[in-house]
Amino acid sequence: MQQAWNVWGNIIIAAVLAIPFACIGMCFLALHRTRNGHPFPTRTAVADVIMVTGTTPWIWMILTPGKGGASLSLTPLRDLSAMLQGPVGTAFVQVGGNLLVFAALGAMLPVRSARFASLTRIAGVAAAASVIVELLQYGLRLGRVSSVDDVLVNTAGAVLAAVVTRRWWASRIAAGTVPR
């Protein structure tokens, strides 16, 4: 845990300090959308800001250069099982962090839009985003392992977060039933 704080503490502090600005931005975004006649200005502003502020620090961490060489790990569950056999603290930080990478996206995407009110769609979006991040890690030679296990755990985190917010998901409104 201490090592994680030593490496990522500055990003964590920056993310926490960004929260008040995100709240102010959320209010202005909702106001702007209200003035422009958006049907759900507050709901979408809250969801958008949470998705961005909840995902950006993790992407920042993932795309920070590491000390090793860039490599690929394409065998499913190999890295995960090796990690779980190592020190508990390391496994907790690695698995926990990977579960949280797209958790805000998975939690808020179906709240923002009924189009994404499906666990399958959330899994698809999260998996696609995770693949892009892993390809960037590898392509930019950031000294990190690009692993299929990261994609699986990132996707699982987004889906689990979506399940938690299910009661607030946007619902589809039948055509012609929206009051004007």
Protein backbone atom coordinates (compact mmCIF):
# COMPACT_ATOMS: atom_id res chain seq x y z
CA MET A 1 0.00 0.00 0.00
CA GLN A 2 2.79 2.40 0.91
CA GLN A 3 4.47 1.77 -2.43
CA ALA A 4 1.21 2.53 -4.24
CA TRP A 5 0.90 5.80 -2.33
CA ASN A 6 4.53 6.69 -3.11
CA VAL A 7 4.00 6.09 -6.82
CA TRP A 8 0.45 7.42 -7.26
CA GLY A 9 -0.04 9.81 -4.35
CA ASN A 10 0.36 12.92 -6.52
CA ILE A 11 -2.38 11.73 -8.88
CA ILE A 12 -4.68 10.88 -5.98
CA ILE A 13 -4.15 14.33 -4.47
CA ALA A 14 -4.79 16.01 -7.84
CA ALA A 15 -7.99 13.99 -8.28
CA VAL A 16 -9.28 14.95 -4.83
CA LEU A 17 -8.43 18.62 -5.40
CA ALA A 18 -10.32 18.49 -8.72
CA ILE A 19 -13.60 17.47 -7.05
CA PRO A 20 -14.75 21.01 -6.10
CA PHE A 21 -14.00 22.24 -9.62
CA ALA A 22 -15.87 19.27 -11.06
CA CYS A 23 -18.89 20.15 -8.90
CA ILE A 24 -18.80 23.76 -10.11
CA GLY A 25 -18.44 22.54 -13.70
CA MET A 26 -21.36 20.19 -13.19
CA CYS A 27 -23.58 23.07 -12.08
CA PHE A 28 -22.60 25.22 -15.07
CA LEU A 29 -23.09 22.29 -17.44
CA ALA A 30 -26.57 21.59 -16.05
CA LEU A 31 -27.45 25.29 -16.30
CA HIS A 32 -26.21 25.43 -19.90
CA ARG A 33 -28.20 22.34 -20.82
CA THR A 34 -31.31 23.72 -19.11
CA ARG A 35 -31.04 26.94 -21.12
CA ASN A 36 -30.66 24.92 -24.32
CA GLY A 37 -33.77 22.87 -23.62
CA HIS A 38 -32.08 19.56 -22.86
CA PRO A 39 -34.69 17.09 -21.55
CA PHE A 40 -32.55 15.87 -18.61
CA PRO A 41 -29.98 18.59 -17.91
CA THR A 42 -29.08 17.74 -14.32
CA ARG A 43 -29.05 13.96 -14.73
CA THR A 44 -26.76 14.10 -17.77
CA ALA A 45 -24.49 16.76 -16.28
CA VAL A 46 -24.00 14.74 -13.10
CA ALA A 47 -23.38 11.54 -15.07
CA ASP A 48 -20.95 13.21 -17.50
CA VAL A 49 -18.88 14.86 -14.78
CA ILE A 50 -18.73 11.72 -12.65
CA MET A 51 -17.67 9.64 -15.67
CA VAL A 52 -14.86 12.06 -16.51
CA THR A 53 -13.62 12.76 -12.98
CA GLY A 54 -13.97 9.12 -11.97
CA THR A 55 -12.10 7.73 -14.97
CA THR A 56 -9.41 10.33 -15.74
CA PRO A 57 -7.14 9.66 -12.73
CA TRP A 58 -7.05 5.93 -13.51
CA ILE A 59 -6.21 6.56 -17.17
CA TRP A 60 -3.51 9.00 -16.05
CA MET A 61 -2.02 6.27 -13.85
CA ILE A 62 -2.23 3.62 -16.55
CA LEU A 63 -0.59 5.80 -19.18
CA THR A 64 2.25 6.94 -16.91
CA PRO A 65 5.51 5.34 -18.07
CA GLY A 66 6.70 2.39 -16.00
CA LYS A 67 10.21 1.10 -15.37
CA GLY A 68 10.00 -2.20 -17.24
CA GLY A 69 9.90 -3.02 -20.90
CA ALA A 70 6.69 -3.08 -22.89
CA SER A 71 5.27 -6.57 -23.24
CA LEU A 72 2.08 -8.40 -24.16
CA SER A 73 0.26 -11.00 -22.10
CA LEU A 74 -2.47 -12.58 -24.19
CA THR A 75 -3.23 -15.72 -22.16
CA PRO A 76 -6.44 -15.12 -20.20
CA LEU A 77 -6.16 -15.34 -16.40
CA ARG A 78 -2.41 -16.06 -16.39
CA ASP A 79 -1.38 -12.68 -14.95
CA LEU A 80 -4.34 -12.64 -12.59
CA SER A 81 -3.56 -16.06 -11.13
CA ALA A 82 0.14 -15.17 -10.75
CA MET A 83 -0.79 -11.91 -9.03
CA LEU A 84 -3.15 -13.66 -6.62
CA GLN A 85 -0.35 -16.04 -5.62
CA GLY A 86 1.89 -13.10 -4.69
CA PRO A 87 1.69 -10.66 -1.77
CA VAL A 88 -1.88 -9.87 -0.70
CA GLY A 89 -1.26 -6.10 -0.67
CA THR A 90 0.00 -6.11 -4.24
CA ALA A 91 -2.92 -8.23 -5.42
CA PHE A 92 -5.38 -5.94 -3.60
CA VAL A 93 -3.95 -2.79 -5.19
CA GLN A 94 -3.65 -4.31 -8.68
CA VAL A 95 -7.04 -6.04 -8.83
CA GLY A 96 -8.81 -3.25 -6.94
CA GLY A 97 -7.30 -0.61 -9.19
CA ASN A 98 -8.23 -2.51 -12.34
CA LEU A 99 -11.79 -2.94 -11.08
CA LEU A 100 -12.03 0.83 -10.58
CA VAL A 101 -10.56 1.99 -13.92
CA PHE A 102 -13.90 2.09 -15.75
CA ALA A 103 -16.22 1.80 -12.74
CA ALA A 104 -17.39 5.42 -13.01
CA LEU A 105 -18.05 4.92 -16.71
CA GLY A 106 -19.97 1.71 -16.09
CA ALA A 107 -21.95 3.23 -13.22
CA MET A 108 -22.97 6.44 -14.98
CA LEU A 109 -23.30 5.54 -18.66
CA PRO A 110 -26.70 3.84 -18.21
CA VAL A 111 -27.80 6.61 -15.82
CA ARG A 112 -26.99 9.15 -18.52
CA SER A 113 -28.53 7.37 -21.48
CA ALA A 114 -31.12 4.64 -21.89
CA ARG A 115 -29.18 3.53 -24.96
CA PHE A 116 -26.62 2.00 -22.60
CA ALA A 117 -29.09 0.55 -20.09
CA SER A 118 -27.89 -3.00 -20.64
CA LEU A 119 -25.09 -4.90 -18.93
CA THR A 120 -24.04 -6.27 -22.32
CA ARG A 121 -23.66 -2.78 -23.78
CA ILE A 122 -21.77 -1.57 -20.74
CA ALA A 123 -19.46 -4.57 -20.97
CA GLY A 124 -18.91 -3.82 -24.66
CA VAL A 125 -18.08 -0.15 -24.08
CA ALA A 126 -15.80 -0.93 -21.13
CA ALA A 127 -14.02 -3.74 -22.99
CA ALA A 128 -13.49 -1.51 -26.03
CA ALA A 129 -12.15 1.34 -23.88
CA SER A 130 -9.88 -1.07 -22.01
CA VAL A 131 -8.51 -2.57 -25.23
CA ILE A 132 -7.73 0.96 -26.46
CA VAL A 133 -5.87 1.74 -23.23
CA GLU A 134 -3.90 -1.52 -23.40
CA LEU A 135 -3.02 -0.85 -27.05
CA LEU A 136 -1.86 2.65 -26.10
CA GLN A 137 0.29 1.23 -23.30
CA TYR A 138 1.93 -1.16 -25.71
CA GLY A 139 2.12 1.13 -28.74
CA LEU A 140 3.56 4.05 -26.80
CA ARG A 141 6.15 1.73 -25.21
CA LEU A 142 5.33 2.90 -21.70
CA GLY A 143 7.25 0.11 -20.02
CA ARG A 144 4.13 -1.72 -18.92
CA VAL A 145 2.56 -5.11 -19.52
CA SER A 146 -0.46 -4.93 -21.82
CA SER A 147 -2.59 -7.79 -20.57
CA VAL A 148 -5.85 -9.40 -21.58
CA ASP A 149 -6.45 -9.87 -17.84
CA ASP A 150 -6.52 -6.09 -17.41
CA VAL A 151 -9.24 -5.89 -20.06
CA LEU A 152 -11.25 -8.61 -18.29
CA VAL A 153 -10.95 -7.03 -14.84
CA ASN A 154 -11.58 -3.48 -16.13
CA THR A 155 -14.72 -4.73 -17.85
CA ALA A 156 -15.87 -6.62 -14.77
CA GLY A 157 -15.43 -3.47 -12.69
CA ALA A 158 -17.58 -1.43 -15.07
CA VAL A 159 -20.32 -4.07 -15.09
CA LEU A 160 -20.29 -4.41 -11.28
CA ALA A 161 -20.55 -0.63 -10.92
CA ALA A 162 -23.46 -0.61 -13.37
CA VAL A 163 -25.27 -3.20 -11.27
CA VAL A 164 -24.89 -0.92 -8.24
CA THR A 165 -26.56 2.00 -10.06
CA ARG A 166 -29.26 -0.05 -11.80
CA ARG A 167 -32.17 1.57 -9.94
CA TRP A 168 -31.19 4.98 -11.37
CA TRP A 169 -30.75 3.91 -14.98
CA ALA A 170 -32.43 6.05 -17.60
CA SER A 171 -35.46 4.37 -19.06
CA ARG A 172 -36.59 4.28 -22.63
CA ILE A 173 -39.64 6.42 -23.25
CA ALA A 174 -42.06 5.19 -25.88
CA ALA A 175 -42.15 7.35 -29.01
CA GLY A 176 -44.83 10.04 -28.90
CA THR A 177 -45.32 9.87 -25.13
CA VAL A 178 -42.94 12.63 -24.08
CA PRO A 179 -44.89 15.70 -22.97
CA ARG A 180 -43.87 18.90 -24.71
